[in-house]
């Protein structure tokens, strides 16, 4: 009898400094010892550096999404994932892949979706600015009130899903409003969301995120998603 499958999807744009470390940290052997067939899928978002080549060198499968934007990259990655359990995390080495087994246990325990919460866990000094923490709390509050669903860290880039969940989500996000789109769709479909406290590292390369612009887009996606 074939084993259950896990696909770990990494959206990546010019992450040649980090992609190898991110892939190496994924506890593939531990998951395989538990009987899972593990696939690591890097969605290269039209990088201009060696991201794709280094990802392949480190044992990942690589597909390309030429239209830039995290939302576009992940929508392409989700369509290609085809697994019993799917996890996504950023390729900038801020989210440790070592938490995947804990998140898997939450899904096996009855939840449909799980997030890795930075705000319930711990963070390296300087990993999130004070302004971004305030903004994240505000956006998380905006998510909790109209959707009547508790979540501690709306903007986390660390999510896990039962495979059948993804086929029911009608995602439209193009950029960093992806997580708001995921949350809105998960709640509208009545899925249960669990949480795992994680450790969040400081990014060692320049951020691609314009916090103010991204915050406005996330807020609008929450509002639009409620009535979509």
Foldseek 3Di string as FASTA:
>chain_A
DAFFEEEEEEEDAQQPVFQLVQLVQQPCVVVVVVRYDYAYEYEYQCHPDCNQVSNVVNPHHYDYDPQDAPLSSVVVVLVVGPGQKYKYAYRQPFFGNVCVVVQVVVVVVPFFKEFADQVVADEDPPQADPVRVVLQQVLQVLLCPVLVDHDDGQQHRIMMGRSVLSVQQDADDGHSLRSLSVSLRCSVVPTGYHYDYGYTYHGPDDDPDPRVVSSVVNSVSNVVSNVD
